[in-house]
Amino acid sequence: MLQFVFNRRELIRAAAAFAAATGSVAKAQSTWPAKPVMLVVPFPAGGGTDAFARPLSAQFTKQTGKQLIIDNKGGAGGTLGAGIASRAANDGYTLFMGAVHHTIAPAMYPRLDYDLERDFVPLTLVASVPQVVVVNPKNITAPDFAAFLELIRKSPGRFNYGSAGTGTSHHLAGELFKQQTRTFITHIPYTGAGPALRDLVSGQVDMMFDGLGSSAAHIKGGRIKALMVSGGKRNPAFPDVPCAAELGLPDYTVTTWYGLWAPKGTPTDAQARIVEEVRRAVQADELKAIWASQGAEFSNFSQQQFASFVSGEIKRWTQVVKASGAKLD
């Protein structure tokens, strides 16, 4: 009987100690973020990912009181930065802002040092924008899409297009365009959309198949000209730019989207808080205005919905890569 009482007392003490410990852990975890958070952006500054990462960073900092520090790690079509982020500490203080490019990469790069679905936790979709065909107006003087198409058909290989790198959506959008219009344009890969866009503006390259988010300011400023947005409807931010469907390309649909991941093993409470803060941020008036000005939309996906979306995109782009015959340059 005494032994039973002793064991019972020990069990009660152990249970109390466990409850205190777990309560302390929960209390500690609920303080996230307790320090600045690093956001790995796998492209150089000035590209589409940056166009959404920087406003998001500013709003996040405003909301939480802790900095969201952007770390640009460009190279290899966005896969270099992805690999770095996949090996970061999974304590909730390193995030990764990837894009549609990262669902194309598995079909283009046979030996990636990371697996998007295995090594990361999907958090949320941040923004999605249609792809847009933009040209340097001095290099390509065609007044509209029909004239542009006639021009490049007459001179196969004379004109070129810049991309954020081999295997990115910019590259694949160009390959799809060539396939569906039966044209040939030379591909010039860069280390990110920012450098490619700068060379488009300066006239070093003739055109791009860019995400509308990064091209928007240059289109409005007259530095580049938009001839077509992909998909079946015009974009509200650029109502004068015709869509692919009305120009005779009903199957030309390419969307550039940007999403947020964390290294696998990141605490679930930190994951939930990150998703909550992103949702709050994109509903802020400042970000709503920025997203609208860039023709972007926000889809309020759950984490599971985002994970399913990513899986579907990987399958879709694998098929596109095979059909187009796109290869590493």
C-alpha atoms as a PDB file:
ATOM      1  CA  MET A   1       0.000   0.000   0.000  1.00  0.00           C
ATOM      2  CA  LEU A   2       2.822   2.394   0.896  1.00  0.00           C
ATOM      3  CA  GLN A   3       4.567   1.512  -2.380  1.00  0.00           C
ATOM      4  CA  PHE A   4       1.375   2.342  -4.304  1.00  0.00           C
ATOM      5  CA  VAL A   5       1.040   5.712  -2.515  1.00  0.00           C
ATOM      6  CA  PHE A   6       4.702   6.507  -3.238  1.00  0.00           C
ATOM      7  CA  ASN A   7       4.322   5.656  -6.919  1.00  0.00           C
ATOM      8  CA  ARG A   8       1.159   7.689  -7.123  1.00  0.00           C
ATOM      9  CA  ARG A   9       2.885  10.703  -5.574  1.00  0.00           C
ATOM     10  CA  GLU A  10       5.788  10.312  -7.993  1.00  0.00           C
ATOM     11  CA  LEU A  11       3.396  10.145 -10.926  1.00  0.00           C
ATOM     12  CA  ILE A  12       1.643  13.313  -9.783  1.00  0.00           C
ATOM     13  CA  ARG A  13       4.982  15.106  -9.406  1.00  0.00           C
ATOM     14  CA  ALA A  14       6.129  13.911 -12.815  1.00  0.00           C
ATOM     15  CA  ALA A  15       2.868  14.983 -14.426  1.00  0.00           C
ATOM     16  CA  ALA A  16       3.137  18.410 -12.816  1.00  0.00           C
ATOM     17  CA  ALA A  17       6.731  18.791 -13.964  1.00  0.00           C
ATOM     18  CA  PHE A  18       5.801  17.753 -17.512  1.00  0.00           C
ATOM     19  CA  ALA A  19       2.890  20.186 -17.576  1.00  0.00           C
ATOM     20  CA  ALA A  20       5.131  23.007 -16.384  1.00  0.00           C
ATOM     21  CA  ALA A  21       7.777  22.157 -18.951  1.00  0.00           C
ATOM     22  CA  THR A  22       5.371  21.900 -21.874  1.00  0.00           C
ATOM     23  CA  GLY A  23       3.651  25.073 -20.725  1.00  0.00           C
ATOM     24  CA  SER A  24       7.004  26.853 -20.750  1.00  0.00           C
ATOM     25  CA  VAL A  25       7.765  25.519 -24.240  1.00  0.00           C
ATOM     26  CA  ALA A  26       4.360  26.596 -25.509  1.00  0.00           C
ATOM     27  CA  LYS A  27       4.826  30.027 -23.955  1.00  0.00           C
ATOM     28  CA  ALA A  28       8.277  30.336 -25.517  1.00  0.00           C
ATOM     29  CA  GLN A  29       7.043  29.218 -28.933  1.00  0.00           C
ATOM     30  CA  SER A  30       4.072  31.593 -28.832  1.00  0.00           C
ATOM     31  CA  THR A  31       6.509  34.530 -28.703  1.00  0.00           C
ATOM     32  CA  TRP A  32       7.527  33.987 -32.371  1.00  0.00           C
ATOM     33  CA  PRO A  33       9.002  36.075 -33.810  1.00  0.00           C
ATOM     34  CA  ALA A  34      11.391  36.888 -30.989  1.00  0.00           C
ATOM     35  CA  LYS A  35      14.117  38.074 -33.378  1.00  0.00           C
ATOM     36  CA  PRO A  36      14.544  39.110 -37.046  1.00  0.00           C
ATOM     37  CA  VAL A  37      13.476  36.570 -39.677  1.00  0.00           C
ATOM     38  CA  MET A  38      15.544  35.861 -42.795  1.00  0.00           C
ATOM     39  CA  LEU A  39      13.737  35.583 -46.136  1.00  0.00           C
ATOM     40  CA  VAL A  40      15.807  33.871 -48.824  1.00  0.00           C
ATOM     41  CA  VAL A  41      14.882  35.238 -52.269  1.00  0.00           C
ATOM     42  CA  PRO A  42      16.570  32.999 -54.878  1.00  0.00           C
ATOM     43  CA  PHE A  43      16.953  35.713 -57.515  1.00  0.00           C
ATOM     44  CA  PRO A  44      18.868  39.014 -57.721  1.00  0.00           C
ATOM     45  CA  ALA A  45      17.184  42.248 -56.702  1.00  0.00           C
ATOM     46  CA  GLY A  46      14.882  43.868 -59.245  1.00  0.00           C
ATOM     47  CA  GLY A  47      13.002  40.817 -60.463  1.00  0.00           C
ATOM     48  CA  GLY A  48       9.438  39.665 -59.980  1.00  0.00           C
ATOM     49  CA  THR A  49      10.088  37.808 -56.724  1.00  0.00           C
ATOM     50  CA  ASP A  50      11.702  40.923 -55.306  1.00  0.00           C
ATOM     51  CA  ALA A  51       8.751  43.059 -56.438  1.00  0.00           C
ATOM     52  CA  PHE A  52       6.535  41.202 -53.986  1.00  0.00           C
ATOM     53  CA  ALA A  53       9.068  40.189 -51.341  1.00  0.00           C
ATOM     54  CA  ARG A  54      10.123  43.736 -50.460  1.00  0.00           C
ATOM     55  CA  PRO A  55       6.637  45.199 -49.842  1.00  0.00           C
ATOM     56  CA  LEU A  56       5.767  42.039 -47.904  1.00  0.00           C
ATOM     57  CA  SER A  57       8.938  42.448 -45.843  1.00  0.00           C
ATOM     58  CA  ALA A  58       8.066  46.039 -44.971  1.00  0.00           C
ATOM     59  CA  GLN A  59       4.516  45.183 -43.949  1.00  0.00           C
ATOM     60  CA  PHE A  60       5.611  42.130 -41.943  1.00  0.00           C
ATOM     61  CA  THR A  61       8.111  44.279 -40.049  1.00  0.00           C
ATOM     62  CA  LYS A  62       5.411  46.858 -39.362  1.00  0.00           C
ATOM     63  CA  GLN A  63       2.984  44.204 -38.074  1.00  0.00           C
ATOM     64  CA  THR A  64       5.325  42.146 -35.904  1.00  0.00           C
ATOM     65  CA  GLY A  65       7.939  44.672 -34.811  1.00  0.00           C
ATOM     66  CA  LYS A  66      10.644  42.284 -36.038  1.00  0.00           C
ATOM     67  CA  GLN A  67      12.505  42.677 -39.312  1.00  0.00           C
ATOM     68  CA  LEU A  68      11.952  40.347 -42.242  1.00  0.00           C
ATOM     69  CA  ILE A  69      15.401  40.587 -43.831  1.00  0.00           C
ATOM     70  CA  ILE A  70      15.687  39.775 -47.531  1.00  0.00           C
ATOM     71  CA  ASP A  71      18.719  37.736 -48.571  1.00  0.00           C
ATOM     72  CA  ASN A  72      19.054  37.589 -52.379  1.00  0.00           C
ATOM     73  CA  LYS A  73      20.742  34.358 -53.483  1.00  0.00           C
ATOM     74  CA  GLY A  74      20.479  34.282 -57.276  1.00  0.00           C
ATOM     75  CA  GLY A  75      21.785  31.687 -59.690  1.00  0.00           C
ATOM     76  CA  ALA A  76      20.939  28.500 -61.587  1.00  0.00           C
ATOM     77  CA  GLY A  77      17.365  29.533 -62.366  1.00  0.00           C
ATOM     78  CA  GLY A  78      16.525  30.051 -58.696  1.00  0.00           C
ATOM     79  CA  THR A  79      17.734  26.609 -57.626  1.00  0.00           C
ATOM     80  CA  LEU A  80      20.913  27.829 -55.916  1.00  0.00           C
ATOM     81  CA  GLY A  81      18.987  29.871 -53.371  1.00  0.00           C
ATOM     82  CA  ALA A  82      16.455  27.085 -52.917  1.00  0.00           C
ATOM     83  CA  GLY A  83      19.222  24.658 -52.024  1.00  0.00           C
ATOM     84  CA  ILE A  84      20.655  27.099 -49.485  1.00  0.00           C
ATOM     85  CA  ALA A  85      17.238  27.646 -47.896  1.00  0.00           C
ATOM     86  CA  SER A  86      16.549  23.907 -47.704  1.00  0.00           C
ATOM     87  CA  ARG A  87      19.610  23.441 -45.491  1.00  0.00           C
ATOM     88  CA  ALA A  88      18.847  26.363 -43.173  1.00  0.00           C
ATOM     89  CA  ALA A  89      17.895  25.905 -39.525  1.00  0.00           C
ATOM     90  CA  ASN A  90      14.268  24.848 -39.142  1.00  0.00           C
ATOM     91  CA  ASP A  91      13.586  27.097 -36.156  1.00  0.00           C
ATOM     92  CA  GLY A  92      11.106  29.398 -37.900  1.00  0.00           C
ATOM     93  CA  TYR A  93      13.623  32.147 -38.549  1.00  0.00           C
ATOM     94  CA  THR A  94      14.507  31.287 -42.148  1.00  0.00           C
ATOM     95  CA  LEU A  95      11.844  31.417 -44.844  1.00  0.00           C
ATOM     96  CA  PHE A  96      12.062  30.855 -48.579  1.00  0.00           C
ATOM     97  CA  MET A  97      10.153  32.822 -51.209  1.00  0.00           C
ATOM     98  CA  GLY A  98      10.067  30.661 -54.299  1.00  0.00           C
ATOM     99  CA  ALA A  99       8.036  30.835 -57.459  1.00  0.00           C
ATOM    100  CA  VAL A 100       6.538  28.850 -60.296  1.00  0.00           C
ATOM    101  CA  HIS A 101      10.126  28.375 -61.510  1.00  0.00           C
ATOM    102  CA  HIS A 102      10.739  25.952 -58.666  1.00  0.00           C
ATOM    103  CA  THR A 103       7.996  23.622 -59.880  1.00  0.00           C
ATOM    104  CA  ILE A 104       9.631  23.615 -63.331  1.00  0.00           C
ATOM    105  CA  ALA A 105      13.147  22.954 -62.030  1.00  0.00           C
ATOM    106  CA  PRO A 106      12.723  19.211 -61.243  1.00  0.00           C
ATOM    107  CA  ALA A 107      12.085  18.527 -64.942  1.00  0.00           C
ATOM    108  CA  MET A 108      14.995  20.717 -66.074  1.00  0.00           C
ATOM    109  CA  TYR A 109      17.704  19.985 -63.521  1.00  0.00           C
ATOM    110  CA  PRO A 110      18.319  16.239 -63.108  1.00  0.00           C
ATOM    111  CA  ARG A 111      20.547  16.591 -60.028  1.00  0.00           C
ATOM    112  CA  LEU A 112      19.059  19.196 -57.715  1.00  0.00           C
ATOM    113  CA  ASP A 113      20.513  19.212 -54.201  1.00  0.00           C
ATOM    114  CA  TYR A 114      17.066  19.652 -52.681  1.00  0.00           C
ATOM    115  CA  ASP A 115      13.519  18.386 -53.161  1.00  0.00           C
ATOM    116  CA  LEU A 116      10.805  21.058 -53.044  1.00  0.00           C
ATOM    117  CA  GLU A 117       8.189  18.707 -51.593  1.00  0.00           C
ATOM    118  CA  ARG A 118      10.466  16.689 -49.325  1.00  0.00           C
ATOM    119  CA  ASP A 119      12.760  19.362 -47.854  1.00  0.00           C
ATOM    120  CA  PHE A 120      10.311  22.239 -47.394  1.00  0.00           C
ATOM    121  CA  VAL A 121       7.006  22.906 -45.670  1.00  0.00           C
ATOM    122  CA  PRO A 122       4.599  24.802 -47.954  1.00  0.00           C
ATOM    123  CA  LEU A 123       3.116  27.830 -46.203  1.00  0.00           C
ATOM    124  CA  THR A 124       1.084  30.026 -48.524  1.00  0.00           C
ATOM    125  CA  LEU A 125       0.706  31.490 -51.985  1.00  0.00           C
ATOM    126  CA  VAL A 126       1.690  35.178 -51.882  1.00  0.00           C
ATOM    127  CA  ALA A 127       0.759  36.498 -55.329  1.00  0.00           C
ATOM    128  CA  SER A 128       0.024  35.375 -58.872  1.00  0.00           C
ATOM    129  CA  VAL A 129       0.270  37.425 -62.041  1.00  0.00           C
ATOM    130  CA  PRO A 130      -0.156  36.602 -65.725  1.00  0.00           C
ATOM    131  CA  GLN A 131       2.856  36.398 -67.993  1.00  0.00           C
ATOM    132  CA  VAL A 132       3.185  39.290 -70.429  1.00  0.00           C
ATOM    133  CA  VAL A 133       4.991  39.595 -73.761  1.00  0.00           C
ATOM    134  CA  VAL A 134       7.082  42.754 -73.556  1.00  0.00           C
ATOM    135  CA  VAL A 135       9.484  44.239 -76.106  1.00  0.00           C
ATOM    136  CA  ASN A 136      12.016  47.014 -76.288  1.00  0.00           C
ATOM    137  CA  PRO A 137      10.155  49.541 -78.494  1.00  0.00           C
ATOM    138  CA  LYS A 138      13.378  50.667 -80.196  1.00  0.00           C
ATOM    139  CA  ASN A 139      14.443  47.137 -81.133  1.00  0.00           C
ATOM    140  CA  ILE A 140      10.982  45.947 -82.120  1.00  0.00           C
ATOM    141  CA  THR A 141       8.949  48.775 -83.610  1.00  0.00           C
ATOM    142  CA  ALA A 142       5.831  46.731 -84.384  1.00  0.00           C
ATOM    143  CA  PRO A 143       2.732  48.730 -83.341  1.00  0.00           C
ATOM    144  CA  ASP A 144       0.733  45.693 -82.220  1.00  0.00           C
ATOM    145  CA  PHE A 145       0.883  41.951 -81.711  1.00  0.00           C
ATOM    146  CA  ALA A 146      -0.103  41.029 -85.272  1.00  0.00           C
ATOM    147  CA  ALA A 147       2.690  43.154 -86.725  1.00  0.00           C
ATOM    148  CA  PHE A 148       5.121  41.771 -84.148  1.00  0.00           C
ATOM    149  CA  LEU A 149       4.234  38.202 -85.089  1.00  0.00           C
ATOM    150  CA  GLU A 150       4.696  38.953 -88.777  1.00  0.00           C
ATOM    151  CA  LEU A 151       8.077  40.554 -88.052  1.00  0.00           C
ATOM    152  CA  ILE A 152       9.559  37.626 -86.113  1.00  0.00           C
ATOM    153  CA  ARG A 153       8.168  35.078 -88.578  1.00  0.00           C
ATOM    154  CA  LYS A 154       9.971  36.833 -91.427  1.00  0.00           C
ATOM    155  CA  SER A 155      13.310  36.740 -89.585  1.00  0.00           C
ATOM    156  CA  PRO A 156      13.771  33.439 -87.676  1.00  0.00           C
ATOM    157  CA  GLY A 157      16.552  33.746 -85.105  1.00  0.00           C
ATOM    158  CA  ARG A 158      17.103  37.462 -85.665  1.00  0.00           C
ATOM    159  CA  PHE A 159      15.408  38.472 -82.414  1.00  0.00           C
ATOM    160  CA  ASN A 160      16.106  37.217 -78.910  1.00  0.00           C
ATOM    161  CA  TYR A 161      14.383  37.028 -75.551  1.00  0.00           C
ATOM    162  CA  GLY A 162      15.854  37.268 -72.076  1.00  0.00           C
ATOM    163  CA  SER A 163      14.778  35.090 -69.170  1.00  0.00           C
ATOM    164  CA  ALA A 164      15.421  34.750 -65.444  1.00  0.00           C
ATOM    165  CA  GLY A 165      17.418  31.634 -66.282  1.00  0.00           C
ATOM    166  CA  THR A 166      17.136  28.280 -67.971  1.00  0.00           C
ATOM    167  CA  GLY A 167      14.155  26.348 -66.670  1.00  0.00           C
ATOM    168  CA  THR A 168      12.306  29.371 -65.301  1.00  0.00           C
ATOM    169  CA  SER A 169       8.762  30.286 -66.298  1.00  0.00           C
ATOM    170  CA  HIS A 170      10.198  33.066 -68.484  1.00  0.00           C
ATOM    171  CA  HIS A 171      12.126  30.452 -70.445  1.00  0.00           C
ATOM    172  CA  LEU A 172       9.258  27.960 -70.696  1.00  0.00           C
ATOM    173  CA  ALA A 173       6.787  30.710 -71.612  1.00  0.00           C
ATOM    174  CA  GLY A 174       9.085  31.583 -74.503  1.00  0.00           C
ATOM    175  CA  GLU A 175       9.334  27.957 -75.600  1.00  0.00           C
ATOM    176  CA  LEU A 176       5.552  27.570 -75.471  1.00  0.00           C
ATOM    177  CA  PHE A 177       5.143  30.749 -77.468  1.00  0.00           C
ATOM    178  CA  LYS A 178       7.558  29.528 -80.132  1.00  0.00           C
ATOM    179  CA  GLN A 179       5.784  26.184 -80.267  1.00  0.00           C
ATOM    180  CA  GLN A 180       2.291  27.639 -80.584  1.00  0.00           C
ATOM    181  CA  THR A 181       3.187  30.429 -83.036  1.00  0.00           C
ATOM    182  CA  ARG A 182       5.707  28.387 -85.043  1.00  0.00           C
ATOM    183  CA  THR A 183       8.381  31.007 -84.641  1.00  0.00           C
ATOM    184  CA  PHE A 184      12.028  30.948 -83.590  1.00  0.00           C
ATOM    185  CA  ILE A 185      13.530  33.444 -81.138  1.00  0.00           C
ATOM    186  CA  THR A 186      16.932  32.961 -79.521  1.00  0.00           C
ATOM    187  CA  HIS A 187      16.884  32.368 -75.756  1.00  0.00           C
ATOM    188  CA  ILE A 188      19.287  34.445 -73.598  1.00  0.00           C
ATOM    189  CA  PRO A 189      19.300  33.158 -69.988  1.00  0.00           C
ATOM    190  CA  TYR A 190      20.240  35.451 -67.100  1.00  0.00           C
ATOM    191  CA  THR A 191      20.709  34.851 -63.374  1.00  0.00           C
ATOM    192  CA  GLY A 192      17.345  36.420 -62.614  1.00  0.00           C
ATOM    193  CA  ALA A 193      14.520  38.496 -64.056  1.00  0.00           C
ATOM    194  CA  GLY A 194      16.042  41.712 -62.695  1.00  0.00           C
ATOM    195  CA  PRO A 195      19.233  41.604 -64.818  1.00  0.00           C
ATOM    196  CA  ALA A 196      17.257  40.404 -67.865  1.00  0.00           C
ATOM    197  CA  LEU A 197      14.755  43.227 -67.446  1.00  0.00           C
ATOM    198  CA  ARG A 198      17.508  45.814 -67.129  1.00  0.00           C
ATOM    199  CA  ASP A 199      19.017  44.600 -70.406  1.00  0.00           C
ATOM    200  CA  LEU A 200      15.579  44.666 -72.053  1.00  0.00           C
ATOM    201  CA  VAL A 201      15.102  48.292 -71.010  1.00  0.00           C
ATOM    202  CA  SER A 202      18.579  49.207 -72.296  1.00  0.00           C
ATOM    203  CA  GLY A 203      18.049  47.309 -75.548  1.00  0.00           C
ATOM    204  CA  GLN A 204      20.624  44.568 -74.989  1.00  0.00           C
ATOM    205  CA  VAL A 205      17.842  42.026 -75.527  1.00  0.00           C
ATOM    206  CA  ASP A 206      14.775  42.448 -77.703  1.00  0.00           C
ATOM    207  CA  MET A 207      11.943  40.972 -75.659  1.00  0.00           C
ATOM    208  CA  MET A 208      10.863  38.990 -72.606  1.00  0.00           C
ATOM    209  CA  PHE A 209       8.059  36.737 -71.473  1.00  0.00           C
ATOM    210  CA  ASP A 210       7.935  38.282 -68.029  1.00  0.00           C
ATOM    211  CA  GLY A 211       5.687  38.195 -65.012  1.00  0.00           C
ATOM    212  CA  LEU A 212       3.513  41.288 -65.111  1.00  0.00           C
ATOM    213  CA  GLY A 213       4.586  42.205 -61.579  1.00  0.00           C
ATOM    214  CA  SER A 214       8.190  43.017 -62.476  1.00  0.00           C
ATOM    215  CA  SER A 215       7.388  44.609 -65.861  1.00  0.00           C
ATOM    216  CA  ALA A 216       4.486  46.794 -64.694  1.00  0.00           C
ATOM    217  CA  ALA A 217       6.463  49.912 -63.729  1.00  0.00           C
ATOM    218  CA  HIS A 218       8.520  49.812 -66.937  1.00  0.00           C
ATOM    219  CA  ILE A 219       5.388  49.375 -69.071  1.00  0.00           C
ATOM    220  CA  LYS A 220       3.722  52.342 -67.381  1.00  0.00           C
ATOM    221  CA  GLY A 221       6.894  54.370 -67.794  1.00  0.00           C
ATOM    222  CA  GLY A 222       7.041  53.633 -71.528  1.00  0.00           C
ATOM    223  CA  ARG A 223      10.459  52.000 -71.298  1.00  0.00           C
ATOM    224  CA  ILE A 224       9.110  48.706 -72.641  1.00  0.00           C
ATOM    225  CA  LYS A 225       5.933  47.865 -74.527  1.00  0.00           C
ATOM    226  CA  ALA A 226       3.405  45.161 -73.626  1.00  0.00           C
ATOM    227  CA  LEU A 227       1.909  43.355 -76.612  1.00  0.00           C
ATOM    228  CA  MET A 228      -0.043  40.534 -74.946  1.00  0.00           C
ATOM    229  CA  VAL A 229      -0.940  39.061 -71.570  1.00  0.00           C
ATOM    230  CA  SER A 230      -1.346  35.313 -71.333  1.00  0.00           C
ATOM    231  CA  GLY A 231      -4.664  33.620 -70.648  1.00  0.00           C
ATOM    232  CA  GLY A 232      -8.276  34.262 -71.492  1.00  0.00           C
ATOM    233  CA  LYS A 233      -8.894  37.721 -70.051  1.00  0.00           C
ATOM    234  CA  ARG A 234      -7.332  41.163 -69.981  1.00  0.00           C
ATOM    235  CA  ASN A 235      -5.663  42.284 -66.781  1.00  0.00           C
ATOM    236  CA  PRO A 236      -7.463  45.086 -64.877  1.00  0.00           C
ATOM    237  CA  ALA A 237      -4.193  46.922 -64.304  1.00  0.00           C
ATOM    238  CA  PHE A 238      -3.520  47.045 -68.068  1.00  0.00           C
ATOM    239  CA  PRO A 239      -6.930  46.963 -69.772  1.00  0.00           C
ATOM    240  CA  ASP A 240      -5.535  48.116 -73.122  1.00  0.00           C
ATOM    241  CA  VAL A 241      -3.227  45.104 -73.493  1.00  0.00           C
ATOM    242  CA  PRO A 242      -5.015  42.261 -75.338  1.00  0.00           C
ATOM    243  CA  CYS A 243      -5.020  38.732 -73.946  1.00  0.00           C
ATOM    244  CA  ALA A 244      -3.745  35.606 -75.706  1.00  0.00           C
ATOM    245  CA  ALA A 245      -7.210  34.149 -76.316  1.00  0.00           C
ATOM    246  CA  GLU A 246      -8.448  37.163 -78.265  1.00  0.00           C
ATOM    247  CA  LEU A 247      -5.248  37.120 -80.354  1.00  0.00           C
ATOM    248  CA  GLY A 248      -5.778  33.555 -81.521  1.00  0.00           C
ATOM    249  CA  LEU A 249      -3.749  31.735 -78.846  1.00  0.00           C
ATOM    250  CA  PRO A 250      -6.427  30.235 -76.560  1.00  0.00           C
ATOM    251  CA  ASP A 251      -4.043  27.669 -75.076  1.00  0.00           C
ATOM    252  CA  TYR A 252      -1.314  30.120 -74.170  1.00  0.00           C
ATOM    253  CA  THR A 253      -1.777  30.364 -70.414  1.00  0.00           C
ATOM    254  CA  VAL A 254       1.238  31.001 -68.211  1.00  0.00           C
ATOM    255  CA  THR A 255       0.950  32.435 -64.721  1.00  0.00           C
ATOM    256  CA  THR A 256       3.883  33.552 -62.643  1.00  0.00           C
ATOM    257  CA  TRP A 257       3.131  32.941 -58.988  1.00  0.00           C
ATOM    258  CA  TYR A 258       5.147  33.432 -55.806  1.00  0.00           C
ATOM    259  CA  GLY A 259       4.885  31.391 -52.644  1.00  0.00           C
ATOM    260  CA  LEU A 260       6.378  31.001 -49.200  1.00  0.00           C
ATOM    261  CA  TRP A 261       8.028  27.890 -47.763  1.00  0.00           C
ATOM    262  CA  ALA A 262       9.970  27.020 -44.601  1.00  0.00           C
ATOM    263  CA  PRO A 263      12.578  24.288 -44.077  1.00  0.00           C
ATOM    264  CA  LYS A 264      11.046  20.942 -43.148  1.00  0.00           C
ATOM    265  CA  GLY A 265      10.678  20.541 -39.393  1.00  0.00           C
ATOM    266  CA  THR A 266       9.828  24.181 -38.720  1.00  0.00           C
ATOM    267  CA  PRO A 267       7.570  24.281 -35.604  1.00  0.00           C
ATOM    268  CA  THR A 268       3.899  24.117 -36.502  1.00  0.00           C
ATOM    269  CA  ASP A 269       3.006  27.087 -34.316  1.00  0.00           C
ATOM    270  CA  ALA A 270       5.572  29.217 -36.159  1.00  0.00           C
ATOM    271  CA  GLN A 271       4.151  27.992 -39.466  1.00  0.00           C
ATOM    272  CA  ALA A 272       0.649  29.017 -38.429  1.00  0.00           C
ATOM    273  CA  ARG A 273       1.835  32.449 -37.290  1.00  0.00           C
ATOM    274  CA  ILE A 274       3.721  33.048 -40.545  1.00  0.00           C
ATOM    275  CA  VAL A 275       0.637  32.203 -42.590  1.00  0.00           C
ATOM    276  CA  GLU A 276      -1.470  34.464 -40.365  1.00  0.00           C
ATOM    277  CA  GLU A 277       0.937  37.391 -40.761  1.00  0.00           C
ATOM    278  CA  VAL A 278       1.101  36.990 -44.546  1.00  0.00           C
ATOM    279  CA  ARG A 279      -2.692  36.992 -44.771  1.00  0.00           C
ATOM    280  CA  ARG A 280      -2.833  40.110 -42.629  1.00  0.00           C
ATOM    281  CA  ALA A 281      -0.147  41.768 -44.732  1.00  0.00           C
ATOM    282  CA  VAL A 282      -1.771  41.242 -48.119  1.00  0.00           C
ATOM    283  CA  GLN A 283      -5.050  42.609 -46.776  1.00  0.00           C
ATOM    284  CA  ALA A 284      -3.357  45.846 -45.694  1.00  0.00           C
ATOM    285  CA  ASP A 285      -4.277  48.838 -47.842  1.00  0.00           C
ATOM    286  CA  GLU A 286      -0.643  49.474 -48.802  1.00  0.00           C
ATOM    287  CA  LEU A 287      -0.101  45.968 -50.167  1.00  0.00           C
ATOM    288  CA  LYS A 288      -3.517  45.802 -51.780  1.00  0.00           C
ATOM    289  CA  ALA A 289      -2.591  48.883 -53.788  1.00  0.00           C
ATOM    290  CA  ILE A 290       0.814  47.483 -54.767  1.00  0.00           C
ATOM    291  CA  TRP A 291      -0.613  44.109 -55.776  1.00  0.00           C
ATOM    292  CA  ALA A 292      -3.341  45.815 -57.840  1.00  0.00           C
ATOM    293  CA  SER A 293      -0.830  48.104 -59.578  1.00  0.00           C
ATOM    294  CA  GLN A 294       1.141  45.044 -60.653  1.00  0.00           C
ATOM    295  CA  GLY A 295      -1.895  43.122 -61.837  1.00  0.00           C
ATOM    296  CA  ALA A 296      -1.490  40.572 -59.051  1.00  0.00           C
ATOM    297  CA  GLU A 297      -4.034  38.460 -57.205  1.00  0.00           C
ATOM    298  CA  PHE A 298      -3.881  36.789 -53.796  1.00  0.00           C
ATOM    299  CA  SER A 299      -5.409  33.342 -53.341  1.00  0.00           C
ATOM    300  CA  ASN A 300      -6.221  32.632 -49.724  1.00  0.00           C
ATOM    301  CA  PHE A 301      -5.056  29.017 -49.835  1.00  0.00           C
ATOM    302  CA  SER A 302      -4.750  26.864 -46.738  1.00  0.00           C
ATOM    303  CA  GLN A 303      -1.381  25.175 -46.293  1.00  0.00           C
ATOM    304  CA  GLN A 304      -2.839  21.923 -47.609  1.00  0.00           C
ATOM    305  CA  GLN A 305      -4.347  23.662 -50.621  1.00  0.00           C
ATOM    306  CA  PHE A 306      -1.017  25.301 -51.377  1.00  0.00           C
ATOM    307  CA  ALA A 307       0.746  21.924 -51.083  1.00  0.00           C
ATOM    308  CA  SER A 308      -1.728  20.357 -53.526  1.00  0.00           C
ATOM    309  CA  PHE A 309      -1.335  23.311 -55.876  1.00  0.00           C
ATOM    310  CA  VAL A 310       2.468  22.914 -55.873  1.00  0.00           C
ATOM    311  CA  SER A 311       2.214  19.177 -56.588  1.00  0.00           C
ATOM    312  CA  GLY A 312      -0.129  19.885 -59.491  1.00  0.00           C
ATOM    313  CA  GLU A 313       2.221  22.523 -60.905  1.00  0.00           C
ATOM    314  CA  ILE A 314       5.183  20.123 -60.782  1.00  0.00           C
ATOM    315  CA  LYS A 315       3.214  17.561 -62.800  1.00  0.00           C
ATOM    316  CA  ARG A 316       1.959  20.189 -65.249  1.00  0.00           C
ATOM    317  CA  TRP A 317       5.383  21.682 -65.951  1.00  0.00           C
ATOM    318  CA  THR A 318       7.003  18.273 -66.303  1.00  0.00           C
ATOM    319  CA  GLN A 319       4.607  17.638 -69.179  1.00  0.00           C
ATOM    320  CA  VAL A 320       5.282  21.076 -70.685  1.00  0.00           C
ATOM    321  CA  VAL A 321       9.063  20.558 -70.565  1.00  0.00           C
ATOM    322  CA  LYS A 322       8.749  17.183 -72.298  1.00  0.00           C
ATOM    323  CA  ALA A 323       6.394  18.519 -74.962  1.00  0.00           C
ATOM    324  CA  SER A 324       8.518  21.596 -75.686  1.00  0.00           C
ATOM    325  CA  GLY A 325      11.841  19.778 -75.714  1.00  0.00           C
ATOM    326  CA  ALA A 326      13.357  22.529 -73.556  1.00  0.00           C
ATOM    327  CA  LYS A 327      16.851  21.731 -72.310  1.00  0.00           C
ATOM    328  CA  LEU A 328      19.574  23.381 -70.284  1.00  0.00           C
ATOM    329  CA  ASP A 329      21.510  25.784 -72.520  1.00  0.00           C
END
